[in-house]
Every structure is written in C-alpha cells, then in structure tokens.
Amino acid sequence: MTVETTTGHELATVWTTATGAPERLLWASRRFVVVARPIPWIDRISWWEHSPRVPAGEAAQVLERQMWQVQVRALDTGELLIVDLSVAEGPQWPITAVFD
C-alpha cells in the first residue's frame, strides 16, 4: 500500500449525507463515490506551527480537527483509493492523505 501524505493544500469538493458523512467528491477533475462506510476520527494539529499561543477556552478547536477516512471509487476508471479528508466549512475540504 502506498501512502501519499499531502500538505492539506489539495482540496476536494465534498457532498455529504444529512448526517455530515462524505458520500461523493470531486478531486483533481475526477469524480469519486464513497463505497464503504466512512470512518470519522479526530486528528491532532501541530498547533505550534500555526500559533504560538492557544487562547483560553479554545484548545479543542486549535489542537484537534474533525476528519473522515473514506474508501472511494473513481467513476472514470474504477480505481479504488482510501482518502483522509479534513472537515471544513463549505464544500471544499483539504485532503491530508491518500492510500492506494
């Protein structure tokens, strides 16, 4: 299995279910559909790389981020990938890792 960790600058347009789980995405001009139950998880952020101080009462927002790991199938080729997505406001979510 090859793992490609991204810097979070790659964005996917994500469509979600009513509960907020990813169900399909558009990434690098390719359409993907989620083919297995998405897995929610929490990632720790290297806060010292972004902010030297954590404001009182805001530690969870600064230290953690909501993530989803999804298994997707490309609609053009049938390629299967596992993708880690960082939840963001709006439909543009950063891709943090890709496993093939």
PDB file of N, CA and C in Angstrom:
ATOM      1  N   MET A   1       0.854  -1.175   0.000  1.00  0.00           N
ATOM      2  CA  MET A   1       0.000   0.000   0.000  1.00  0.00           C
ATOM      3  C   MET A   1       0.897   1.233   0.000  1.00  0.00           C
ATOM      4  N   THR A   2       0.656   2.113  -0.905  1.00  0.00           N
ATOM      5  CA  THR A   2       1.389   3.361  -0.990  1.00  0.00           C
ATOM      6  C   THR A   2       0.599   4.450  -0.274  1.00  0.00           C
ATOM      7  N   VAL A   3       1.300   5.242   0.517  1.00  0.00           N
ATOM      8  CA  VAL A   3       0.668   6.355   1.224  1.00  0.00           C
ATOM      9  C   VAL A   3       1.257   7.644   0.689  1.00  0.00           C
ATOM     10  N   GLU A   4       0.401   8.537   0.282  1.00  0.00           N
ATOM     11  CA  GLU A   4       0.830   9.868  -0.141  1.00  0.00           C
ATOM     12  C   GLU A   4       0.237  10.860   0.837  1.00  0.00           C
ATOM     13  N   THR A   5       1.075  11.457   1.660  1.00  0.00           N
ATOM     14  CA  THR A   5       0.607  12.467   2.599  1.00  0.00           C
ATOM     15  C   THR A   5       0.699  13.816   1.918  1.00  0.00           C
ATOM     16  N   THR A   6      -0.379  14.560   1.966  1.00  0.00           N
ATOM     17  CA  THR A   6      -0.394  15.871   1.335  1.00  0.00           C
ATOM     18  C   THR A   6      -0.255  16.949   2.407  1.00  0.00           C
ATOM     19  N   THR A   7      -0.008  18.149   1.989  1.00  0.00           N
ATOM     20  CA  THR A   7       0.145  19.256   2.931  1.00  0.00           C
ATOM     21  C   THR A   7      -1.184  19.905   3.275  1.00  0.00           C
ATOM     22  N   GLY A   8      -2.269  19.359   2.752  1.00  0.00           N
ATOM     23  CA  GLY A   8      -3.568  19.951   3.022  1.00  0.00           C
ATOM     24  C   GLY A   8      -3.941  21.041   2.039  1.00  0.00           C
ATOM     25  N   HIS A   9      -3.077  21.240   1.021  1.00  0.00           N
ATOM     26  CA  HIS A   9      -3.376  22.265   0.024  1.00  0.00           C
ATOM     27  C   HIS A   9      -4.242  21.723  -1.104  1.00  0.00           C
ATOM     28  N   GLU A  10      -4.305  20.400  -1.228  1.00  0.00           N
ATOM     29  CA  GLU A  10      -5.189  19.806  -2.224  1.00  0.00           C
ATOM     30  C   GLU A  10      -6.593  19.810  -1.650  1.00  0.00           C
ATOM     31  N   LEU A  11      -7.519  20.310  -2.429  1.00  0.00           N
ATOM     32  CA  LEU A  11      -8.896  20.388  -1.968  1.00  0.00           C
ATOM     33  C   LEU A  11      -9.787  19.498  -2.813  1.00  0.00           C
ATOM     34  N   ALA A  12     -10.786  18.929  -2.168  1.00  0.00           N
ATOM     35  CA  ALA A  12     -11.818  18.171  -2.861  1.00  0.00           C
ATOM     36  C   ALA A  12     -13.149  18.848  -2.578  1.00  0.00           C
ATOM     37  N   THR A  13     -14.020  18.864  -3.574  1.00  0.00           N
ATOM     38  CA  THR A  13     -15.389  19.308  -3.355  1.00  0.00           C
ATOM     39  C   THR A  13     -16.149  18.097  -2.853  1.00  0.00           C
ATOM     40  N   VAL A  14     -16.710  18.213  -1.649  1.00  0.00           N
ATOM     41  CA  VAL A  14     -17.321  17.067  -0.973  1.00  0.00           C
ATOM     42  C   VAL A  14     -18.823  17.275  -0.830  1.00  0.00           C
ATOM     43  N   TRP A  15     -19.587  16.252  -1.198  1.00  0.00           N
ATOM     44  CA  TRP A  15     -21.016  16.217  -0.951  1.00  0.00           C
ATOM     45  C   TRP A  15     -21.229  15.262   0.212  1.00  0.00           C
ATOM     46  N   THR A  16     -22.092  15.653   1.147  1.00  0.00           N
ATOM     47  CA  THR A  16     -22.296  14.859   2.353  1.00  0.00           C
ATOM     48  C   THR A  16     -23.742  14.395   2.486  1.00  0.00           C
ATOM     49  N   THR A  17     -23.921  13.404   3.367  1.00  0.00           N
ATOM     50  CA  THR A  17     -25.258  12.954   3.729  1.00  0.00           C
ATOM     51  C   THR A  17     -25.856  13.958   4.712  1.00  0.00           C
ATOM     52  N   ALA A  18     -27.080  13.731   5.112  1.00  0.00           N
ATOM     53  CA  ALA A  18     -27.737  14.610   6.088  1.00  0.00           C
ATOM     54  C   ALA A  18     -27.009  14.615   7.429  1.00  0.00           C
ATOM     55  N   THR A  19     -26.272  13.551   7.733  1.00  0.00           N
ATOM     56  CA  THR A  19     -25.538  13.469   8.994  1.00  0.00           C
ATOM     57  C   THR A  19     -24.121  14.031   8.888  1.00  0.00           C
ATOM     58  N   GLY A  20     -23.731  14.505   7.706  1.00  0.00           N
ATOM     59  CA  GLY A  20     -22.412  15.111   7.534  1.00  0.00           C
ATOM     60  C   GLY A  20     -21.328  14.180   7.034  1.00  0.00           C
ATOM     61  N   ALA A  21     -21.647  12.918   6.785  1.00  0.00           N
ATOM     62  CA  ALA A  21     -20.671  11.958   6.274  1.00  0.00           C
ATOM     63  C   ALA A  21     -20.464  12.162   4.769  1.00  0.00           C
ATOM     64  N   PRO A  22     -19.234  12.107   4.296  1.00  0.00           N
ATOM     65  CA  PRO A  22     -18.984  12.248   2.854  1.00  0.00           C
ATOM     66  C   PRO A  22     -19.648  11.113   2.075  1.00  0.00           C
ATOM     67  N   GLU A  23     -20.249  11.447   0.916  1.00  0.00           N
ATOM     68  CA  GLU A  23     -20.839  10.411   0.071  1.00  0.00           C
ATOM     69  C   GLU A  23     -20.286  10.424  -1.351  1.00  0.00           C
ATOM     70  N   ARG A  24     -19.763  11.572  -1.788  1.00  0.00           N
ATOM     71  CA  ARG A  24     -19.097  11.649  -3.096  1.00  0.00           C
ATOM     72  C   ARG A  24     -18.209  12.876  -3.104  1.00  0.00           C
ATOM     73  N   LEU A  25     -17.240  12.878  -4.019  1.00  0.00           N
ATOM     74  CA  LEU A  25     -16.346  14.025  -4.092  1.00  0.00           C
ATOM     75  C   LEU A  25     -15.806  14.223  -5.493  1.00  0.00           C
ATOM     76  N   LEU A  26     -15.380  15.442  -5.733  1.00  0.00           N
ATOM     77  CA  LEU A  26     -14.727  15.838  -6.977  1.00  0.00           C
ATOM     78  C   LEU A  26     -13.326  16.292  -6.588  1.00  0.00           C
ATOM     79  N   TRP A  27     -12.314  15.617  -7.151  1.00  0.00           N
ATOM     80  CA  TRP A  27     -10.926  15.904  -6.797  1.00  0.00           C
ATOM     81  C   TRP A  27     -10.065  15.742  -8.035  1.00  0.00           C
ATOM     82  N   ALA A  28      -9.240  16.728  -8.316  1.00  0.00           N
ATOM     83  CA  ALA A  28      -8.328  16.706  -9.474  1.00  0.00           C
ATOM     84  C   ALA A  28      -9.100  16.427 -10.762  1.00  0.00           C
ATOM     85  N   SER A  29     -10.245  17.069 -10.897  1.00  0.00           N
ATOM     86  CA  SER A  29     -11.113  16.935 -12.074  1.00  0.00           C
ATOM     87  C   SER A  29     -11.647  15.520 -12.269  1.00  0.00           C
ATOM     88  N   ARG A  30     -11.657  14.720 -11.198  1.00  0.00           N
ATOM     89  CA  ARG A  30     -12.191  13.353 -11.254  1.00  0.00           C
ATOM     90  C   ARG A  30     -13.304  13.206 -10.231  1.00  0.00           C
ATOM     91  N   ARG A  31     -14.322  12.429 -10.602  1.00  0.00           N
ATOM     92  CA  ARG A  31     -15.454  12.185  -9.713  1.00  0.00           C
ATOM     93  C   ARG A  31     -15.272  10.847  -9.000  1.00  0.00           C
ATOM     94  N   PHE A  32     -15.544  10.854  -7.688  1.00  0.00           N
ATOM     95  CA  PHE A  32     -15.424   9.664  -6.865  1.00  0.00           C
ATOM     96  C   PHE A  32     -16.709   9.471  -6.075  1.00  0.00           C
ATOM     97  N   VAL A  33     -17.018   8.218  -5.803  1.00  0.00           N
ATOM     98  CA  VAL A  33     -18.159   7.891  -4.954  1.00  0.00           C
ATOM     99  C   VAL A  33     -17.640   7.061  -3.782  1.00  0.00           C
ATOM    100  N   VAL A  34     -18.190   7.316  -2.599  1.00  0.00           N
ATOM    101  CA  VAL A  34     -17.813   6.575  -1.400  1.00  0.00           C
ATOM    102  C   VAL A  34     -18.453   5.192  -1.494  1.00  0.00           C
ATOM    103  N   VAL A  35     -17.621   4.135  -1.312  1.00  0.00           N
ATOM    104  CA  VAL A  35     -18.106   2.764  -1.499  1.00  0.00           C
ATOM    105  C   VAL A  35     -18.148   1.947  -0.210  1.00  0.00           C
ATOM    106  N   ALA A  36     -17.676   2.492   0.893  1.00  0.00           N
ATOM    107  CA  ALA A  36     -17.727   1.811   2.192  1.00  0.00           C
ATOM    108  C   ALA A  36     -18.108   2.842   3.243  1.00  0.00           C
ATOM    109  N   ARG A  37     -18.517   2.362   4.393  1.00  0.00           N
ATOM    110  CA  ARG A  37     -18.934   3.278   5.452  1.00  0.00           C
ATOM    111  C   ARG A  37     -17.782   4.198   5.851  1.00  0.00           C
ATOM    112  N   PRO A  38     -17.979   5.518   5.761  1.00  0.00           N
ATOM    113  CA  PRO A  38     -16.930   6.461   6.161  1.00  0.00           C
ATOM    114  C   PRO A  38     -16.607   6.336   7.650  1.00  0.00           C
ATOM    115  N   ILE A  39     -15.343   6.548   7.990  1.00  0.00           N
ATOM    116  CA  ILE A  39     -14.886   6.427   9.370  1.00  0.00           C
ATOM    117  C   ILE A  39     -14.542   7.824   9.896  1.00  0.00           C
ATOM    118  N   PRO A  40     -15.287   8.311  10.898  1.00  0.00           N
ATOM    119  CA  PRO A  40     -14.945   9.603  11.490  1.00  0.00           C
ATOM    120  C   PRO A  40     -13.825   9.431  12.510  1.00  0.00           C
ATOM    121  N   TRP A  41     -12.948  10.433  12.605  1.00  0.00           N
ATOM    122  CA  TRP A  41     -11.886  10.404  13.597  1.00  0.00           C
ATOM    123  C   TRP A  41     -11.424  11.819  13.874  1.00  0.00           C
ATOM    124  N   ILE A  42     -10.634  11.978  14.921  1.00  0.00           N
ATOM    125  CA  ILE A  42     -10.117  13.284  15.319  1.00  0.00           C
ATOM    126  C   ILE A  42      -8.601  13.268  15.143  1.00  0.00           C
ATOM    127  N   ASP A  43      -8.072  14.283  14.486  1.00  0.00           N
ATOM    128  CA  ASP A  43      -6.628  14.405  14.258  1.00  0.00           C
ATOM    129  C   ASP A  43      -6.078  15.494  15.169  1.00  0.00           C
ATOM    130  N   ARG A  44      -4.879  15.284  15.639  1.00  0.00           N
ATOM    131  CA  ARG A  44      -4.176  16.311  16.417  1.00  0.00           C
ATOM    132  C   ARG A  44      -3.435  17.234  15.467  1.00  0.00           C
ATOM    133  N   ILE A  45      -3.460  18.504  15.746  1.00  0.00           N
ATOM    134  CA  ILE A  45      -2.815  19.515  14.918  1.00  0.00           C
ATOM    135  C   ILE A  45      -1.513  19.950  15.576  1.00  0.00           C
ATOM    136  N   SER A  46      -0.501  20.177  14.792  1.00  0.00           N
ATOM    137  CA  SER A  46       0.762  20.733  15.291  1.00  0.00           C
ATOM    138  C   SER A  46       0.546  22.226  15.495  1.00  0.00           C
ATOM    139  N   TRP A  47      -0.093  22.583  16.596  1.00  0.00           N
ATOM    140  CA  TRP A  47      -0.526  23.962  16.815  1.00  0.00           C
ATOM    141  C   TRP A  47       0.649  24.932  16.855  1.00  0.00           C
ATOM    142  N   TRP A  48       1.809  24.474  17.300  1.00  0.00           N
ATOM    143  CA  TRP A  48       2.959  25.370  17.415  1.00  0.00           C
ATOM    144  C   TRP A  48       3.460  25.838  16.052  1.00  0.00           C
ATOM    145  N   GLU A  49       3.052  25.136  14.978  1.00  0.00           N
ATOM    146  CA  GLU A  49       3.420  25.560  13.633  1.00  0.00           C
ATOM    147  C   GLU A  49       2.524  26.701  13.135  1.00  0.00           C
ATOM    148  N   HIS A  50       1.374  26.881  13.785  1.00  0.00           N
ATOM    149  CA  HIS A  50       0.403  27.872  13.330  1.00  0.00           C
ATOM    150  C   HIS A  50       0.212  29.029  14.301  1.00  0.00           C
ATOM    151  N   SER A  51       0.277  28.724  15.591  1.00  0.00           N
ATOM    152  CA  SER A  51       0.025  29.744  16.600  1.00  0.00           C
ATOM    153  C   SER A  51       0.840  29.423  17.850  1.00  0.00           C
ATOM    154  N   PRO A  52       1.667  30.355  18.301  1.00  0.00           N
ATOM    155  CA  PRO A  52       2.493  30.068  19.473  1.00  0.00           C
ATOM    156  C   PRO A  52       1.701  30.016  20.781  1.00  0.00           C
ATOM    157  N   ARG A  53       0.476  30.528  20.777  1.00  0.00           N
ATOM    158  CA  ARG A  53      -0.340  30.524  21.990  1.00  0.00           C
ATOM    159  C   ARG A  53      -1.725  29.989  21.661  1.00  0.00           C
ATOM    160  N   VAL A  54      -2.302  29.306  22.627  1.00  0.00           N
ATOM    161  CA  VAL A  54      -3.659  28.804  22.496  1.00  0.00           C
ATOM    162  C   VAL A  54      -4.548  29.632  23.404  1.00  0.00           C
ATOM    163  N   PRO A  55      -5.515  30.365  22.840  1.00  0.00           N
ATOM    164  CA  PRO A  55      -6.405  31.174  23.676  1.00  0.00           C
ATOM    165  C   PRO A  55      -7.200  30.307  24.654  1.00  0.00           C
ATOM    166  N   ALA A  56      -7.436  30.826  25.839  1.00  0.00           N
ATOM    167  CA  ALA A  56      -8.194  30.112  26.865  1.00  0.00           C
ATOM    168  C   ALA A  56      -9.569  29.726  26.340  1.00  0.00           C
ATOM    169  N   GLY A  57      -9.936  28.486  26.574  1.00  0.00           N
ATOM    170  CA  GLY A  57     -11.251  28.001  26.154  1.00  0.00           C
ATOM    171  C   GLY A  57     -11.340  27.566  24.707  1.00  0.00           C
ATOM    172  N   GLU A  58     -10.267  27.684  23.950  1.00  0.00           N
ATOM    173  CA  GLU A  58     -10.301  27.328  22.534  1.00  0.00           C
ATOM    174  C   GLU A  58      -9.349  26.192  22.188  1.00  0.00           C
ATOM    175  N   ALA A  59      -8.903  25.442  23.176  1.00  0.00           N
ATOM    176  CA  ALA A  59      -7.902  24.396  22.944  1.00  0.00           C
ATOM    177  C   ALA A  59      -8.393  23.340  21.961  1.00  0.00           C
ATOM    178  N   ALA A  60      -9.633  22.871  22.094  1.00  0.00           N
ATOM    179  CA  ALA A  60     -10.120  21.812  21.209  1.00  0.00           C
ATOM    180  C   ALA A  60     -10.119  22.254  19.752  1.00  0.00           C
ATOM    181  N   GLN A  61     -10.504  23.507  19.482  1.00  0.00           N
ATOM    182  CA  GLN A  61     -10.543  23.992  18.106  1.00  0.00           C
ATOM    183  C   GLN A  61      -9.139  24.157  17.527  1.00  0.00           C
ATOM    184  N   VAL A  62      -8.168  24.456  18.366  1.00  0.00           N
ATOM    185  CA  VAL A  62      -6.803  24.691  17.899  1.00  0.00           C
ATOM    186  C   VAL A  62      -6.004  23.397  17.850  1.00  0.00           C
ATOM    187  N   LEU A  63      -6.262  22.479  18.774  1.00  0.00           N
ATOM    188  CA  LEU A  63      -5.463  21.265  18.883  1.00  0.00           C
ATOM    189  C   LEU A  63      -6.006  20.084  18.091  1.00  0.00           C
ATOM    190  N   GLU A  64      -7.274  20.113  17.738  1.00  0.00           N
ATOM    191  CA  GLU A  64      -7.892  18.977  17.064  1.00  0.00           C
ATOM    192  C   GLU A  64      -8.671  19.424  15.837  1.00  0.00           C
ATOM    193  N   ARG A  65      -8.807  18.485  14.906  1.00  0.00           N
ATOM    194  CA  ARG A  65      -9.660  18.741  13.750  1.00  0.00           C
ATOM    195  C   ARG A  65     -10.436  17.478  13.424  1.00  0.00           C
ATOM    196  N   GLN A  66     -11.662  17.672  12.979  1.00  0.00           N
ATOM    197  CA  GLN A  66     -12.510  16.548  12.589  1.00  0.00           C
ATOM    198  C   GLN A  66     -12.053  16.025  11.237  1.00  0.00           C
ATOM    199  N   MET A  67     -12.004  14.700  11.135  1.00  0.00           N
ATOM    200  CA  MET A  67     -11.543  14.039   9.918  1.00  0.00           C
ATOM    201  C   MET A  67     -12.521  12.938   9.522  1.00  0.00           C
ATOM    202  N   TRP A  68     -12.450  12.556   8.259  1.00  0.00           N
ATOM    203  CA  TRP A  68     -13.145  11.371   7.757  1.00  0.00           C
ATOM    204  C   TRP A  68     -12.150  10.579   6.925  1.00  0.00           C
ATOM    205  N   GLN A  69     -12.153   9.264   7.104  1.00  0.00           N
ATOM    206  CA  GLN A  69     -11.416   8.401   6.185  1.00  0.00           C
ATOM    207  C   GLN A  69     -12.470   7.687   5.347  1.00  0.00           C
ATOM    208  N   VAL A  70     -12.311   7.792   4.028  1.00  0.00           N
ATOM    209  CA  VAL A  70     -13.295   7.215   3.122  1.00  0.00           C
ATOM    210  C   VAL A  70     -12.619   6.347   2.068  1.00  0.00           C
ATOM    211  N   GLN A  71     -13.290   5.263   1.714  1.00  0.00           N
ATOM    212  CA  GLN A  71     -12.854   4.461   0.576  1.00  0.00           C
ATOM    213  C   GLN A  71     -13.708   4.911  -0.595  1.00  0.00           C
ATOM    214  N   VAL A  72     -13.035   5.345  -1.652  1.00  0.00           N
ATOM    215  CA  VAL A  72     -13.746   5.885  -2.803  1.00  0.00           C
ATOM    216  C   VAL A  72     -13.365   5.119  -4.071  1.00  0.00           C
ATOM    217  N   ARG A  73     -14.296   5.142  -5.030  1.00  0.00           N
ATOM    218  CA  ARG A  73     -14.055   4.546  -6.340  1.00  0.00           C
ATOM    219  C   ARG A  73     -14.193   5.640  -7.384  1.00  0.00           C
ATOM    220  N   ALA A  74     -13.201   5.741  -8.263  1.00  0.00           N
ATOM    221  CA  ALA A  74     -13.241   6.726  -9.349  1.00  0.00           C
ATOM    222  C   ALA A  74     -14.284   6.280 -10.372  1.00  0.00           C
ATOM    223  N   LEU A  75     -15.141   7.194 -10.779  1.00  0.00           N
ATOM    224  CA  LEU A  75     -16.176   6.846 -11.742  1.00  0.00           C
ATOM    225  C   LEU A  75     -15.618   6.672 -13.155  1.00  0.00           C
ATOM    226  N   ASP A  76     -14.443   7.251 -13.437  1.00  0.00           N
ATOM    227  CA  ASP A  76     -13.890   7.135 -14.784  1.00  0.00           C
ATOM    228  C   ASP A  76     -13.118   5.834 -15.011  1.00  0.00           C
ATOM    229  N   THR A  77     -12.368   5.364 -13.999  1.00  0.00           N
ATOM    230  CA  THR A  77     -11.516   4.188 -14.184  1.00  0.00           C
ATOM    231  C   THR A  77     -11.845   3.032 -13.243  1.00  0.00           C
ATOM    232  N   GLY A  78     -12.634   3.281 -12.207  1.00  0.00           N
ATOM    233  CA  GLY A  78     -12.924   2.249 -11.224  1.00  0.00           C
ATOM    234  C   GLY A  78     -11.837   2.101 -10.172  1.00  0.00           C
ATOM    235  N   GLU A  79     -10.794   2.953 -10.221  1.00  0.00           N
ATOM    236  CA  GLU A  79      -9.697   2.906  -9.257  1.00  0.00           C
ATOM    237  C   GLU A  79     -10.243   3.087  -7.836  1.00  0.00           C
ATOM    238  N   LEU A  80      -9.743   2.264  -6.904  1.00  0.00           N
ATOM    239  CA  LEU A  80     -10.129   2.373  -5.501  1.00  0.00           C
ATOM    240  C   LEU A  80      -9.017   3.048  -4.712  1.00  0.00           C
ATOM    241  N   LEU A  81      -9.383   4.013  -3.879  1.00  0.00           N
ATOM    242  CA  LEU A  81      -8.444   4.726  -3.023  1.00  0.00           C
ATOM    243  C   LEU A  81      -9.047   4.877  -1.638  1.00  0.00           C
ATOM    244  N   ILE A  82      -8.193   5.047  -0.655  1.00  0.00           N
ATOM    245  CA  ILE A  82      -8.624   5.459   0.679  1.00  0.00           C
ATOM    246  C   ILE A  82      -8.090   6.873   0.873  1.00  0.00           C
ATOM    247  N   VAL A  83      -8.976   7.778   1.261  1.00  0.00           N
ATOM    248  CA  VAL A  83      -8.639   9.197   1.339  1.00  0.00           C
ATOM    249  C   VAL A  83      -8.982   9.717   2.731  1.00  0.00           C
ATOM    250  N   ASP A  84      -8.064  10.480   3.326  1.00  0.00           N
ATOM    251  CA  ASP A  84      -8.334  11.187   4.574  1.00  0.00           C
ATOM    252  C   ASP A  84      -8.742  12.611   4.239  1.00  0.00           C
ATOM    253  N   LEU A  85      -9.902  13.021   4.729  1.00  0.00           N
ATOM    254  CA  LEU A  85     -10.444  14.358   4.480  1.00  0.00           C
ATOM    255  C   LEU A  85     -10.549  15.121   5.795  1.00  0.00           C
ATOM    256  N   SER A  86     -10.144  16.378   5.784  1.00  0.00           N
ATOM    257  CA  SER A  86     -10.294  17.255   6.937  1.00  0.00           C
ATOM    258  C   SER A  86     -11.578  18.061   6.756  1.00  0.00           C
ATOM    259  N   VAL A  87     -12.475  17.969   7.714  1.00  0.00           N
ATOM    260  CA  VAL A  87     -13.759  18.663   7.631  1.00  0.00           C
ATOM    261  C   VAL A  87     -13.520  20.172   7.626  1.00  0.00           C
ATOM    262  N   ALA A  88     -14.197  20.867   6.721  1.00  0.00           N
ATOM    263  CA  ALA A  88     -14.067  22.320   6.615  1.00  0.00           C
ATOM    264  C   ALA A  88     -15.446  22.930   6.424  1.00  0.00           C
ATOM    265  N   GLU A  89     -15.525  24.218   6.668  1.00  0.00           N
ATOM    266  CA  GLU A  89     -16.765  24.941   6.383  1.00  0.00           C
ATOM    267  C   GLU A  89     -16.954  24.964   4.875  1.00  0.00           C
ATOM    268  N   GLY A  90     -18.151  24.682   4.429  1.00  0.00           N
ATOM    269  CA  GLY A  90     -18.420  24.686   2.998  1.00  0.00           C
ATOM    270  C   GLY A  90     -18.006  23.375   2.341  1.00  0.00           C
ATOM    271  N   PRO A  91     -18.098  23.313   1.028  1.00  0.00           N
ATOM    272  CA  PRO A  91     -17.856  22.050   0.324  1.00  0.00           C
ATOM    273  C   PRO A  91     -16.391  21.739   0.008  1.00  0.00           C
ATOM    274  N   GLN A  92     -15.474  22.686   0.187  1.00  0.00           N
ATOM    275  CA  GLN A  92     -14.063  22.464  -0.143  1.00  0.00           C
ATOM    276  C   GLN A  92     -13.314  21.946   1.080  1.00  0.00           C
ATOM    277  N   TRP A  93     -12.955  20.653   1.073  1.00  0.00           N
ATOM    278  CA  TRP A  93     -12.281  20.025   2.205  1.00  0.00           C
ATOM    279  C   TRP A  93     -10.849  19.665   1.816  1.00  0.00           C
ATOM    280  N   PRO A  94      -9.875  19.920   2.677  1.00  0.00           N
ATOM    281  CA  PRO A  94      -8.491  19.511   2.412  1.00  0.00           C
ATOM    282  C   PRO A  94      -8.339  17.987   2.445  1.00  0.00           C
ATOM    283  N   ILE A  95      -7.554  17.477   1.530  1.00  0.00           N
ATOM    284  CA  ILE A  95      -7.149  16.071   1.530  1.00  0.00           C
ATOM    285  C   ILE A  95      -5.796  16.003   2.232  1.00  0.00           C
ATOM    286  N   THR A  96      -5.700  15.189   3.292  1.00  0.00           N
ATOM    287  CA  THR A  96      -4.472  15.124   4.060  1.00  0.00           C
ATOM    288  C   THR A  96      -3.645  13.881   3.757  1.00  0.00           C
ATOM    289  N   ALA A  97      -4.266  12.820   3.229  1.00  0.00           N
ATOM    290  CA  ALA A  97      -3.514  11.611   2.866  1.00  0.00           C
ATOM    291  C   ALA A  97      -4.321  10.804   1.866  1.00  0.00           C
ATOM    292  N   VAL A  98      -3.592  10.081   1.016  1.00  0.00           N
ATOM    293  CA  VAL A  98      -4.199   9.205   0.018  1.00  0.00           C
ATOM    294  C   VAL A  98      -3.486   7.862   0.093  1.00  0.00           C
ATOM    295  N   PHE A  99      -4.240   6.781   0.182  1.00  0.00           N
ATOM    296  CA  PHE A  99      -3.692   5.422   0.213  1.00  0.00           C
ATOM    297  C   PHE A  99      -4.213   4.684  -1.001  1.00  0.00           C
ATOM    298  N   ASP A 100      -3.317   3.994  -1.715  1.00  0.00           N
ATOM    299  CA  ASP A 100      -3.791   3.218  -2.866  1.00  0.00           C
ATOM    300  C   ASP A 100      -3.502   1.750  -2.690  1.00  0.00           C
TER     301      ASP A 100
END
